[in-house]
Amino acid sequence: MKKGTLAATALAVGAGASASTAAAQQDDGDGDGEVVITGRDYYPDVDAEVLAELQTSNRDNVLENFEDEFDPVDDWDLYIVQFDIGAGTVLGHLIVDEDEADVSEGDTVTLASDASFRNAEANLLEVDVSIGEGEVDDEEEDTEDDTEDETEDETEDETETEDEEDTETEDEPAGEEPPEEEEDEDDDDGIFG
């Protein structure tokens, strides 16, 4: 009887652990996922902006350097990201399986603080990532609006200056040239002498 109870308990505990692991792996509903990075590109809990997705030929060249690690290559996307590390920025790569995470240009990603080795010899890490949709377009529009406003202000200032110059010219009698200012050659302090 003890063996049957022990076996049932072990089976229940094992099934519970498997269910918890499966639930944790499938909890990607909020836009988060898992990505692969190199060890030198790992900056945990730091925001990174996704700058660009590499074209197919460039992606293939990079991923083929890792031999069969990313097979088939067509299932993977390779992005250039810019990490904001406070005093500056650092560029890196983000390797994304299309089925694991939904990353796009302009998104902001944050790597989790716990990572696991995918391939220790190749220095490849698997890490969970939080993905936020980028607001690049809104910022660009705001910048364009500010530039247009500044241009309009500068144009108005130039128009006012031209009007003032026209007024000064009209005050002078026609046909008379303004008197030339005399240059004081004795006051050059020997610089040109």
N, C-alpha and C. Protein backbone atom coordinates (compact mmCIF):
# COMPACT_ATOMS: atom_id res chain seq x y z
N MET A 1 0.81 -1.19 0.00
CA MET A 1 0.00 0.00 0.00
C MET A 1 0.85 1.25 0.00
N LYS A 2 1.96 1.22 0.70
CA LYS A 2 2.82 2.39 0.76
C LYS A 2 3.43 2.69 -0.60
N LYS A 3 3.79 1.65 -1.36
CA LYS A 3 4.38 1.87 -2.67
C LYS A 3 3.38 2.53 -3.60
N GLY A 4 2.12 2.14 -3.54
CA GLY A 4 1.08 2.71 -4.41
C GLY A 4 0.83 4.17 -4.07
N THR A 5 0.80 4.50 -2.78
CA THR A 5 0.59 5.88 -2.36
C THR A 5 1.78 6.74 -2.76
N LEU A 6 2.97 6.22 -2.57
CA LEU A 6 4.18 6.95 -2.93
C LEU A 6 4.24 7.19 -4.44
N ALA A 7 3.89 6.21 -5.22
CA ALA A 7 3.91 6.35 -6.67
C ALA A 7 2.87 7.37 -7.13
N ALA A 8 1.69 7.34 -6.53
CA ALA A 8 0.64 8.30 -6.90
C ALA A 8 1.04 9.72 -6.53
N THR A 9 1.67 9.87 -5.37
CA THR A 9 2.12 11.19 -4.95
C THR A 9 3.21 11.71 -5.90
N ALA A 10 4.15 10.87 -6.24
CA ALA A 10 5.22 11.27 -7.16
C ALA A 10 4.65 11.64 -8.52
N LEU A 11 3.67 10.87 -8.97
CA LEU A 11 3.04 11.16 -10.26
C LEU A 11 2.32 12.51 -10.21
N ALA A 12 1.61 12.78 -9.12
CA ALA A 12 0.89 14.04 -8.98
C ALA A 12 1.86 15.23 -8.91
N VAL A 13 2.94 15.08 -8.15
CA VAL A 13 3.93 16.15 -8.04
C VAL A 13 4.59 16.39 -9.39
N GLY A 14 4.95 15.33 -10.08
CA GLY A 14 5.57 15.46 -11.40
C GLY A 14 4.64 16.11 -12.40
N ALA A 15 3.38 15.74 -12.38
CA ALA A 15 2.41 16.33 -13.30
C ALA A 15 2.21 17.80 -12.98
N GLY A 16 2.19 18.14 -11.70
CA GLY A 16 2.04 19.54 -11.31
C GLY A 16 3.23 20.38 -11.75
N ALA A 17 4.42 19.84 -11.61
CA ALA A 17 5.62 20.56 -12.04
C ALA A 17 5.64 20.74 -13.55
N SER A 18 5.22 19.71 -14.27
CA SER A 18 5.18 19.81 -15.74
C SER A 18 4.16 20.85 -16.18
N ALA A 19 3.01 20.87 -15.52
CA ALA A 19 1.98 21.84 -15.88
C ALA A 19 2.45 23.26 -15.59
N SER A 20 3.15 23.45 -14.47
CA SER A 20 3.66 24.79 -14.13
C SER A 20 4.70 25.24 -15.14
N THR A 21 5.58 24.33 -15.53
CA THR A 21 6.61 24.67 -16.52
C THR A 21 5.97 25.01 -17.86
N ALA A 22 5.01 24.23 -18.29
CA ALA A 22 4.35 24.49 -19.57
C ALA A 22 3.60 25.81 -19.53
N ALA A 23 2.95 26.10 -18.42
CA ALA A 23 2.22 27.37 -18.30
C ALA A 23 3.19 28.55 -18.33
N ALA A 24 4.34 28.40 -17.69
CA ALA A 24 5.33 29.48 -17.69
C ALA A 24 5.90 29.70 -19.08
N GLN A 25 6.10 28.62 -19.83
CA GLN A 25 6.66 28.76 -21.17
C GLN A 25 5.66 29.37 -22.15
N GLN A 26 4.38 29.16 -21.95
CA GLN A 26 3.39 29.68 -22.88
C GLN A 26 2.81 31.00 -22.44
N ASP A 27 3.34 31.61 -21.38
CA ASP A 27 2.83 32.88 -20.88
C ASP A 27 3.47 34.03 -21.65
N ASP A 28 3.18 34.09 -22.96
CA ASP A 28 3.74 35.14 -23.81
C ASP A 28 2.64 36.04 -24.34
N GLY A 29 1.50 36.08 -23.72
CA GLY A 29 0.36 36.82 -24.23
C GLY A 29 0.50 38.32 -24.21
N ASP A 30 1.44 38.89 -23.44
CA ASP A 30 1.55 40.34 -23.33
C ASP A 30 2.63 40.92 -24.24
N GLY A 31 3.01 40.19 -25.30
CA GLY A 31 3.98 40.71 -26.24
C GLY A 31 5.41 40.35 -25.90
N ASP A 32 5.64 39.63 -24.82
CA ASP A 32 6.98 39.22 -24.42
C ASP A 32 7.33 37.92 -25.12
N GLY A 33 8.60 37.60 -25.13
CA GLY A 33 9.04 36.36 -25.76
C GLY A 33 10.46 36.06 -25.37
N GLU A 34 11.07 35.17 -26.15
CA GLU A 34 12.45 34.78 -25.89
C GLU A 34 13.27 35.07 -27.13
N VAL A 35 14.48 35.57 -26.93
CA VAL A 35 15.38 35.89 -28.03
C VAL A 35 16.74 35.26 -27.75
N VAL A 36 17.59 35.27 -28.76
CA VAL A 36 18.96 34.78 -28.62
C VAL A 36 19.89 35.96 -28.86
N ILE A 37 20.90 36.07 -28.02
CA ILE A 37 21.90 37.14 -28.17
C ILE A 37 23.28 36.56 -27.92
N THR A 38 24.30 37.30 -28.30
CA THR A 38 25.65 36.90 -27.94
C THR A 38 25.94 37.45 -26.54
N GLY A 39 26.90 36.86 -25.88
CA GLY A 39 27.24 37.29 -24.53
C GLY A 39 27.66 38.75 -24.45
N ARG A 40 28.33 39.25 -25.49
CA ARG A 40 28.77 40.65 -25.46
C ARG A 40 27.62 41.63 -25.66
N ASP A 41 26.48 41.14 -26.14
CA ASP A 41 25.31 42.00 -26.35
C ASP A 41 24.30 41.90 -25.20
N TYR A 42 24.70 41.29 -24.10
CA TYR A 42 23.77 41.08 -22.99
C TYR A 42 23.86 42.22 -21.98
N TYR A 43 22.86 43.07 -21.97
CA TYR A 43 22.72 44.16 -21.01
C TYR A 43 21.37 43.99 -20.33
N PRO A 44 21.33 43.27 -19.21
CA PRO A 44 20.03 43.00 -18.57
C PRO A 44 19.40 44.26 -17.98
N ASP A 45 18.08 44.30 -18.05
CA ASP A 45 17.26 45.39 -17.49
C ASP A 45 17.63 46.76 -18.06
N VAL A 46 18.10 46.79 -19.29
CA VAL A 46 18.45 48.04 -19.98
C VAL A 46 17.58 48.13 -21.23
N ASP A 47 16.97 49.30 -21.44
CA ASP A 47 16.15 49.49 -22.63
C ASP A 47 17.03 49.56 -23.87
N ALA A 48 16.54 48.95 -24.94
CA ALA A 48 17.23 49.00 -26.23
C ALA A 48 16.20 49.30 -27.31
N GLU A 49 16.57 50.17 -28.22
CA GLU A 49 15.69 50.49 -29.34
C GLU A 49 16.06 49.61 -30.52
N VAL A 50 15.04 49.00 -31.14
CA VAL A 50 15.26 48.18 -32.33
C VAL A 50 15.41 49.13 -33.51
N LEU A 51 16.62 49.22 -34.06
CA LEU A 51 16.90 50.18 -35.12
C LEU A 51 16.53 49.66 -36.50
N ALA A 52 16.89 48.40 -36.80
CA ALA A 52 16.66 47.89 -38.15
C ALA A 52 16.70 46.37 -38.15
N GLU A 53 16.00 45.80 -39.12
CA GLU A 53 16.08 44.37 -39.38
C GLU A 53 17.03 44.17 -40.55
N LEU A 54 17.96 43.23 -40.39
CA LEU A 54 18.91 42.98 -41.47
C LEU A 54 18.21 42.30 -42.64
N GLN A 55 18.68 42.62 -43.84
CA GLN A 55 18.14 41.99 -45.03
C GLN A 55 18.50 40.51 -45.03
N THR A 56 17.78 39.75 -45.83
CA THR A 56 17.92 38.30 -45.85
C THR A 56 19.36 37.86 -46.10
N SER A 57 20.04 38.43 -47.07
CA SER A 57 21.41 38.00 -47.38
C SER A 57 22.36 38.28 -46.22
N ASN A 58 22.23 39.43 -45.59
CA ASN A 58 23.08 39.77 -44.44
C ASN A 58 22.77 38.87 -43.25
N ARG A 59 21.48 38.63 -43.01
CA ARG A 59 21.08 37.74 -41.92
C ARG A 59 21.67 36.35 -42.13
N ASP A 60 21.55 35.84 -43.36
CA ASP A 60 22.07 34.51 -43.65
C ASP A 60 23.57 34.43 -43.42
N ASN A 61 24.31 35.46 -43.84
CA ASN A 61 25.76 35.47 -43.64
C ASN A 61 26.13 35.43 -42.17
N VAL A 62 25.44 36.18 -41.35
CA VAL A 62 25.75 36.22 -39.92
C VAL A 62 25.38 34.89 -39.26
N LEU A 63 24.18 34.41 -39.51
CA LEU A 63 23.72 33.19 -38.83
C LEU A 63 24.47 31.94 -39.29
N GLU A 64 24.96 31.92 -40.52
CA GLU A 64 25.72 30.76 -41.00
C GLU A 64 27.05 30.63 -40.26
N ASN A 65 27.54 31.71 -39.65
CA ASN A 65 28.77 31.64 -38.86
C ASN A 65 28.59 30.78 -37.61
N PHE A 66 27.36 30.56 -37.21
CA PHE A 66 27.07 29.75 -36.03
C PHE A 66 26.73 28.31 -36.42
N GLU A 67 27.13 27.90 -37.62
CA GLU A 67 26.93 26.56 -38.17
C GLU A 67 25.46 26.16 -38.13
N ASP A 68 25.10 25.09 -37.45
CA ASP A 68 23.73 24.59 -37.48
C ASP A 68 22.88 25.10 -36.31
N GLU A 69 23.36 26.09 -35.61
CA GLU A 69 22.66 26.60 -34.43
C GLU A 69 21.30 27.20 -34.78
N PHE A 70 21.18 27.80 -35.95
CA PHE A 70 19.94 28.46 -36.36
C PHE A 70 19.43 27.83 -37.65
N ASP A 71 19.08 26.56 -37.56
CA ASP A 71 18.65 25.82 -38.74
C ASP A 71 17.16 25.51 -38.62
N PRO A 72 16.34 25.84 -39.55
CA PRO A 72 16.61 26.56 -40.80
C PRO A 72 16.71 28.07 -40.55
N VAL A 73 17.60 28.70 -41.29
CA VAL A 73 17.89 30.13 -41.13
C VAL A 73 16.66 30.98 -41.42
N ASP A 74 15.79 30.52 -42.32
CA ASP A 74 14.61 31.30 -42.71
C ASP A 74 13.63 31.52 -41.56
N ASP A 75 13.72 30.73 -40.49
CA ASP A 75 12.82 30.90 -39.34
C ASP A 75 13.28 32.00 -38.39
N TRP A 76 14.43 32.59 -38.66
CA TRP A 76 15.02 33.56 -37.74
C TRP A 76 15.11 34.94 -38.38
N ASP A 77 14.97 35.96 -37.54
CA ASP A 77 15.18 37.35 -37.95
C ASP A 77 16.34 37.91 -37.14
N LEU A 78 17.08 38.82 -37.73
CA LEU A 78 18.23 39.42 -37.06
C LEU A 78 18.06 40.93 -37.06
N TYR A 79 18.09 41.52 -35.87
CA TYR A 79 17.86 42.96 -35.71
C TYR A 79 19.11 43.63 -35.14
N ILE A 80 19.28 44.89 -35.50
CA ILE A 80 20.30 45.75 -34.90
C ILE A 80 19.59 46.54 -33.80
N VAL A 81 20.13 46.50 -32.59
CA VAL A 81 19.53 47.23 -31.47
C VAL A 81 20.55 48.19 -30.88
N GLN A 82 20.04 49.22 -30.24
CA GLN A 82 20.89 50.23 -29.60
C GLN A 82 20.52 50.28 -28.12
N PHE A 83 21.47 49.83 -27.27
CA PHE A 83 21.25 49.82 -25.83
C PHE A 83 21.60 51.19 -25.25
N ASP A 84 20.73 51.72 -24.40
CA ASP A 84 20.98 52.99 -23.72
C ASP A 84 21.56 52.67 -22.35
N ILE A 85 22.88 52.78 -22.22
CA ILE A 85 23.54 52.38 -20.97
C ILE A 85 23.93 53.57 -20.11
N GLY A 86 23.24 54.67 -20.25
CA GLY A 86 23.47 55.82 -19.40
C GLY A 86 24.40 56.83 -20.02
N ALA A 87 25.69 56.59 -19.95
CA ALA A 87 26.67 57.55 -20.46
C ALA A 87 26.75 57.53 -21.98
N GLY A 88 26.14 56.58 -22.60
CA GLY A 88 26.19 56.47 -24.06
C GLY A 88 25.31 55.35 -24.54
N THR A 89 25.55 54.95 -25.76
CA THR A 89 24.78 53.86 -26.33
C THR A 89 25.73 52.83 -26.92
N VAL A 90 25.24 51.59 -26.99
CA VAL A 90 26.01 50.48 -27.52
C VAL A 90 25.14 49.75 -28.53
N LEU A 91 25.70 49.40 -29.68
CA LEU A 91 24.97 48.63 -30.68
C LEU A 91 25.15 47.15 -30.43
N GLY A 92 24.12 46.37 -30.75
CA GLY A 92 24.18 44.93 -30.60
C GLY A 92 23.23 44.25 -31.57
N HIS A 93 23.19 42.92 -31.50
CA HIS A 93 22.32 42.11 -32.35
C HIS A 93 21.27 41.41 -31.50
N LEU A 94 20.11 41.24 -32.07
CA LEU A 94 19.03 40.50 -31.43
C LEU A 94 18.57 39.45 -32.43
N ILE A 95 18.70 38.18 -32.09
CA ILE A 95 18.33 37.08 -32.97
C ILE A 95 16.99 36.55 -32.49
N VAL A 96 15.99 36.60 -33.36
CA VAL A 96 14.62 36.31 -32.95
C VAL A 96 14.04 35.18 -33.79
N ASP A 97 13.56 34.13 -33.12
CA ASP A 97 12.78 33.10 -33.80
C ASP A 97 11.39 33.68 -34.01
N GLU A 98 10.90 33.62 -35.24
CA GLU A 98 9.62 34.23 -35.58
C GLU A 98 8.48 33.72 -34.71
N ASP A 99 8.60 32.48 -34.20
CA ASP A 99 7.54 31.89 -33.38
C ASP A 99 7.65 32.27 -31.90
N GLU A 100 8.78 32.82 -31.49
CA GLU A 100 9.02 33.09 -30.07
C GLU A 100 8.69 34.52 -29.63
N ALA A 101 8.95 35.50 -30.48
CA ALA A 101 8.73 36.90 -30.09
C ALA A 101 8.35 37.71 -31.32
N ASP A 102 7.57 38.75 -31.09
CA ASP A 102 7.12 39.63 -32.17
C ASP A 102 7.84 40.97 -32.03
N VAL A 103 8.98 41.09 -32.69
CA VAL A 103 9.81 42.29 -32.61
C VAL A 103 9.71 43.02 -33.94
N SER A 104 9.66 44.35 -33.89
CA SER A 104 9.60 45.17 -35.10
C SER A 104 10.53 46.37 -34.94
N GLU A 105 10.91 46.96 -36.06
CA GLU A 105 11.72 48.17 -36.02
C GLU A 105 10.97 49.25 -35.25
N GLY A 106 11.67 49.98 -34.41
CA GLY A 106 11.07 51.04 -33.62
C GLY A 106 10.61 50.60 -32.25
N ASP A 107 10.54 49.28 -32.01
CA ASP A 107 10.15 48.79 -30.69
C ASP A 107 11.25 49.06 -29.67
N THR A 108 10.87 49.05 -28.41
CA THR A 108 11.83 49.11 -27.32
C THR A 108 11.81 47.75 -26.64
N VAL A 109 12.97 47.14 -26.47
CA VAL A 109 13.07 45.84 -25.83
C VAL A 109 13.91 45.96 -24.57
N THR A 110 13.58 45.12 -23.59
CA THR A 110 14.35 45.05 -22.35
C THR A 110 14.65 43.59 -22.07
N LEU A 111 15.92 43.25 -21.94
CA LEU A 111 16.32 41.88 -21.67
C LEU A 111 16.17 41.58 -20.19
N ALA A 112 15.69 40.38 -19.89
CA ALA A 112 15.52 39.97 -18.49
C ALA A 112 16.88 39.76 -17.84
N SER A 113 16.89 39.77 -16.52
CA SER A 113 18.15 39.64 -15.79
C SER A 113 18.62 38.20 -15.64
N ASP A 114 17.81 37.24 -16.05
CA ASP A 114 18.24 35.84 -16.00
C ASP A 114 18.29 35.28 -17.42
N ALA A 115 19.43 34.72 -17.77
CA ALA A 115 19.64 34.16 -19.10
C ALA A 115 20.19 32.76 -18.96
N SER A 116 20.06 31.98 -20.02
CA SER A 116 20.64 30.64 -20.02
C SER A 116 21.45 30.47 -21.30
N PHE A 117 22.46 29.62 -21.23
CA PHE A 117 23.28 29.40 -22.41
C PHE A 117 22.53 28.55 -23.42
N ARG A 118 22.53 29.00 -24.65
CA ARG A 118 22.02 28.19 -25.76
C ARG A 118 23.18 27.36 -26.30
N ASN A 119 24.36 28.00 -26.40
CA ASN A 119 25.57 27.34 -26.85
C ASN A 119 26.74 28.06 -26.18
N ALA A 120 27.33 27.42 -25.19
CA ALA A 120 28.40 28.06 -24.42
C ALA A 120 29.65 28.30 -25.28
N GLU A 121 29.97 27.39 -26.18
CA GLU A 121 31.16 27.56 -27.03
C GLU A 121 31.01 28.76 -27.96
N ALA A 122 29.80 28.99 -28.46
CA ALA A 122 29.55 30.12 -29.37
C ALA A 122 29.18 31.38 -28.61
N ASN A 123 29.09 31.29 -27.27
CA ASN A 123 28.72 32.42 -26.42
C ASN A 123 27.33 32.97 -26.76
N LEU A 124 26.40 32.05 -27.01
CA LEU A 124 25.01 32.43 -27.31
C LEU A 124 24.14 32.21 -26.09
N LEU A 125 23.33 33.21 -25.79
CA LEU A 125 22.43 33.16 -24.64
C LEU A 125 20.98 33.21 -25.11
N GLU A 126 20.11 32.52 -24.38
CA GLU A 126 18.67 32.66 -24.55
C GLU A 126 18.17 33.49 -23.39
N VAL A 127 17.36 34.49 -23.69
CA VAL A 127 16.90 35.38 -22.63
C VAL A 127 15.48 35.84 -22.94
N ASP A 128 14.69 35.97 -21.88
CA ASP A 128 13.34 36.52 -22.04
C ASP A 128 13.45 38.01 -22.29
N VAL A 129 12.51 38.53 -23.06
CA VAL A 129 12.55 39.93 -23.43
C VAL A 129 11.16 40.54 -23.26
N SER A 130 11.13 41.77 -22.78
CA SER A 130 9.90 42.54 -22.72
C SER A 130 9.91 43.48 -23.91
N ILE A 131 8.80 43.54 -24.62
CA ILE A 131 8.74 44.34 -25.84
C ILE A 131 7.70 45.43 -25.69
N GLY A 132 8.10 46.65 -25.95
CA GLY A 132 7.18 47.79 -25.95
C GLY A 132 7.17 48.40 -27.34
N GLU A 133 5.98 48.74 -27.81
CA GLU A 133 5.89 49.34 -29.14
C GLU A 133 6.55 50.70 -29.12
N GLY A 134 7.31 50.98 -30.14
CA GLY A 134 8.04 52.24 -30.23
C GLY A 134 7.14 53.40 -30.57
N GLU A 135 7.57 54.59 -30.15
CA GLU A 135 6.85 55.82 -30.44
C GLU A 135 7.71 56.72 -31.31
N VAL A 136 8.50 56.11 -32.18
CA VAL A 136 9.43 56.86 -33.02
C VAL A 136 8.69 57.81 -33.93
N ASP A 137 7.59 57.36 -34.53
CA ASP A 137 6.86 58.20 -35.48
C ASP A 137 6.33 59.46 -34.81
N ASP A 138 5.79 59.34 -33.59
CA ASP A 138 5.26 60.51 -32.89
C ASP A 138 6.37 61.51 -32.59
N GLU A 139 7.53 61.03 -32.17
CA GLU A 139 8.63 61.93 -31.86
C GLU A 139 9.10 62.64 -33.12
N GLU A 140 9.17 61.91 -34.25
CA GLU A 140 9.60 62.53 -35.50
C GLU A 140 8.62 63.61 -35.92
N GLU A 141 7.31 63.34 -35.77
CA GLU A 141 6.31 64.33 -36.13
C GLU A 141 6.45 65.57 -35.26
N ASP A 142 6.67 65.38 -33.94
CA ASP A 142 6.84 66.51 -33.04
C ASP A 142 8.06 67.33 -33.46
N THR A 143 9.15 66.66 -33.80
CA THR A 143 10.36 67.36 -34.22
C THR A 143 10.11 68.14 -35.50
N GLU A 144 9.38 67.54 -36.45
CA GLU A 144 9.08 68.23 -37.70
C GLU A 144 8.22 69.46 -37.42
N ASP A 145 7.23 69.34 -36.53
CA ASP A 145 6.38 70.48 -36.19
C ASP A 145 7.21 71.59 -35.57
N ASP A 146 8.12 71.24 -34.65
CA ASP A 146 8.96 72.24 -34.01
C ASP A 146 9.85 72.93 -35.05
N THR A 147 10.40 72.16 -35.98
CA THR A 147 11.26 72.73 -37.02
C THR A 147 10.47 73.69 -37.90
N GLU A 148 9.23 73.30 -38.26
CA GLU A 148 8.39 74.18 -39.07
C GLU A 148 8.10 75.48 -38.33
N ASP A 149 7.79 75.40 -37.03
CA ASP A 149 7.52 76.60 -36.24
C ASP A 149 8.74 77.51 -36.20
N GLU A 150 9.94 76.92 -35.98
CA GLU A 150 11.16 77.71 -35.93
C GLU A 150 11.43 78.37 -37.28
N THR A 151 11.19 77.64 -38.37
CA THR A 151 11.41 78.20 -39.70
C THR A 151 10.48 79.37 -39.95
N GLU A 152 9.21 79.24 -39.54
CA GLU A 152 8.26 80.33 -39.70
C GLU A 152 8.71 81.55 -38.90
N ASP A 153 9.18 81.35 -37.66
CA ASP A 153 9.65 82.45 -36.83
C ASP A 153 10.85 83.14 -37.47
N GLU A 154 11.80 82.35 -37.99
CA GLU A 154 12.98 82.93 -38.63
C GLU A 154 12.58 83.73 -39.87
N THR A 155 11.63 83.22 -40.64
CA THR A 155 11.17 83.91 -41.85
C THR A 155 10.53 85.24 -41.48
N GLU A 156 9.73 85.25 -40.42
CA GLU A 156 9.10 86.50 -39.96
C GLU A 156 10.17 87.50 -39.53
N ASP A 157 11.20 87.04 -38.80
CA ASP A 157 12.28 87.92 -38.35
C ASP A 157 13.03 88.50 -39.54
N GLU A 158 13.32 87.67 -40.56
CA GLU A 158 14.02 88.15 -41.75
C GLU A 158 13.19 89.18 -42.49
N THR A 159 11.87 88.97 -42.57
CA THR A 159 10.99 89.90 -43.26
C THR A 159 10.99 91.24 -42.54
N GLU A 160 10.94 91.23 -41.21
CA GLU A 160 10.96 92.47 -40.43
C GLU A 160 12.28 93.20 -40.64
N THR A 161 13.40 92.49 -40.67
CA THR A 161 14.71 93.11 -40.89
C THR A 161 14.78 93.74 -42.27
N GLU A 162 14.27 93.05 -43.29
CA GLU A 162 14.26 93.60 -44.65
C GLU A 162 13.41 94.86 -44.71
N ASP A 163 12.26 94.86 -44.02
CA ASP A 163 11.39 96.03 -44.00
C ASP A 163 12.12 97.22 -43.36
N GLU A 164 12.86 96.98 -42.28
CA GLU A 164 13.60 98.05 -41.62
C GLU A 164 14.68 98.61 -42.55
N GLU A 165 15.38 97.73 -43.28
CA GLU A 165 16.42 98.18 -44.21
C GLU A 165 15.80 99.01 -45.33
N ASP A 166 14.64 98.58 -45.83
CA ASP A 166 13.95 99.32 -46.89
C ASP A 166 13.57 100.71 -46.38
N THR A 167 13.13 100.82 -45.14
CA THR A 167 12.73 102.09 -44.56
C THR A 167 13.94 103.01 -44.45
N GLU A 168 15.09 102.49 -44.02
CA GLU A 168 16.30 103.30 -43.91
C GLU A 168 16.72 103.80 -45.28
N THR A 169 16.63 102.98 -46.30
CA THR A 169 17.02 103.37 -47.65
C THR A 169 16.11 104.47 -48.18
N GLU A 170 14.83 104.38 -47.87
CA GLU A 170 13.88 105.38 -48.33
C GLU A 170 14.12 106.73 -47.68
N ASP A 171 14.65 106.79 -46.45
CA ASP A 171 14.88 108.04 -45.74
C ASP A 171 16.03 108.83 -46.36
N GLU A 172 16.98 108.17 -47.03
CA GLU A 172 18.11 108.86 -47.62
C GLU A 172 17.67 109.50 -48.94
N PRO A 173 18.15 110.71 -49.21
CA PRO A 173 17.80 111.36 -50.48
C PRO A 173 18.40 110.59 -51.65
N ALA A 174 17.66 110.57 -52.75
CA ALA A 174 18.10 109.84 -53.93
C ALA A 174 19.29 110.53 -54.57
N GLY A 175 20.21 109.77 -55.07
CA GLY A 175 21.35 110.31 -55.79
C GLY A 175 22.51 110.66 -54.90
N GLU A 176 22.35 110.75 -53.62
CA GLU A 176 23.46 111.07 -52.73
C GLU A 176 23.99 109.79 -52.13
N GLU A 177 25.27 109.69 -52.13
CA GLU A 177 25.89 108.54 -51.51
C GLU A 177 26.20 108.89 -50.06
N PRO A 178 26.06 107.96 -49.18
CA PRO A 178 26.38 108.25 -47.79
C PRO A 178 27.86 108.54 -47.65
N PRO A 179 28.22 109.41 -46.74
CA PRO A 179 29.64 109.74 -46.58
C PRO A 179 30.41 108.52 -46.10
N GLU A 180 31.60 108.34 -46.67
CA GLU A 180 32.43 107.22 -46.28
C GLU A 180 33.12 107.54 -44.97
N GLU A 181 33.22 106.53 -44.15
CA GLU A 181 33.90 106.72 -42.88
C GLU A 181 35.40 106.69 -43.12
N GLU A 182 36.09 107.58 -42.48
CA GLU A 182 37.54 107.63 -42.63
C GLU A 182 38.17 106.53 -41.79
N GLU A 183 39.15 105.87 -42.39
CA GLU A 183 39.85 104.83 -41.65
C GLU A 183 41.05 105.45 -40.98
N ASP A 184 41.24 105.15 -39.75
CA ASP A 184 42.35 105.70 -38.99
C ASP A 184 43.53 104.76 -39.11
N GLU A 185 44.47 105.06 -40.03
CA GLU A 185 45.60 104.18 -40.28
C GLU A 185 46.63 104.23 -39.17
N ASP A 186 46.66 105.30 -38.41
CA ASP A 186 47.64 105.43 -37.35
C ASP A 186 47.29 104.55 -36.15
N ASP A 187 46.08 104.04 -36.09
CA ASP A 187 45.61 103.32 -34.91
C ASP A 187 45.62 101.80 -35.14
N ASP A 188 46.58 101.29 -35.92
CA ASP A 188 46.58 99.86 -36.19
C ASP A 188 47.47 99.07 -35.23
N ASP A 189 48.08 99.74 -34.29
CA ASP A 189 48.92 99.12 -33.25
C ASP A 189 50.07 98.30 -33.84
N GLY A 190 50.48 98.61 -35.05
CA GLY A 190 51.63 97.94 -35.63
C GLY A 190 51.37 96.55 -36.15
N ILE A 191 50.14 96.13 -36.20
CA ILE A 191 49.85 94.77 -36.63
C ILE A 191 50.14 94.60 -38.11
N PHE A 192 49.73 95.59 -38.91
CA PHE A 192 49.90 95.47 -40.35
C PHE A 192 51.06 96.31 -40.86
N GLY A 193 51.84 96.85 -40.05
CA GLY A 193 52.80 97.84 -40.46
C GLY A 193 54.11 97.34 -40.73
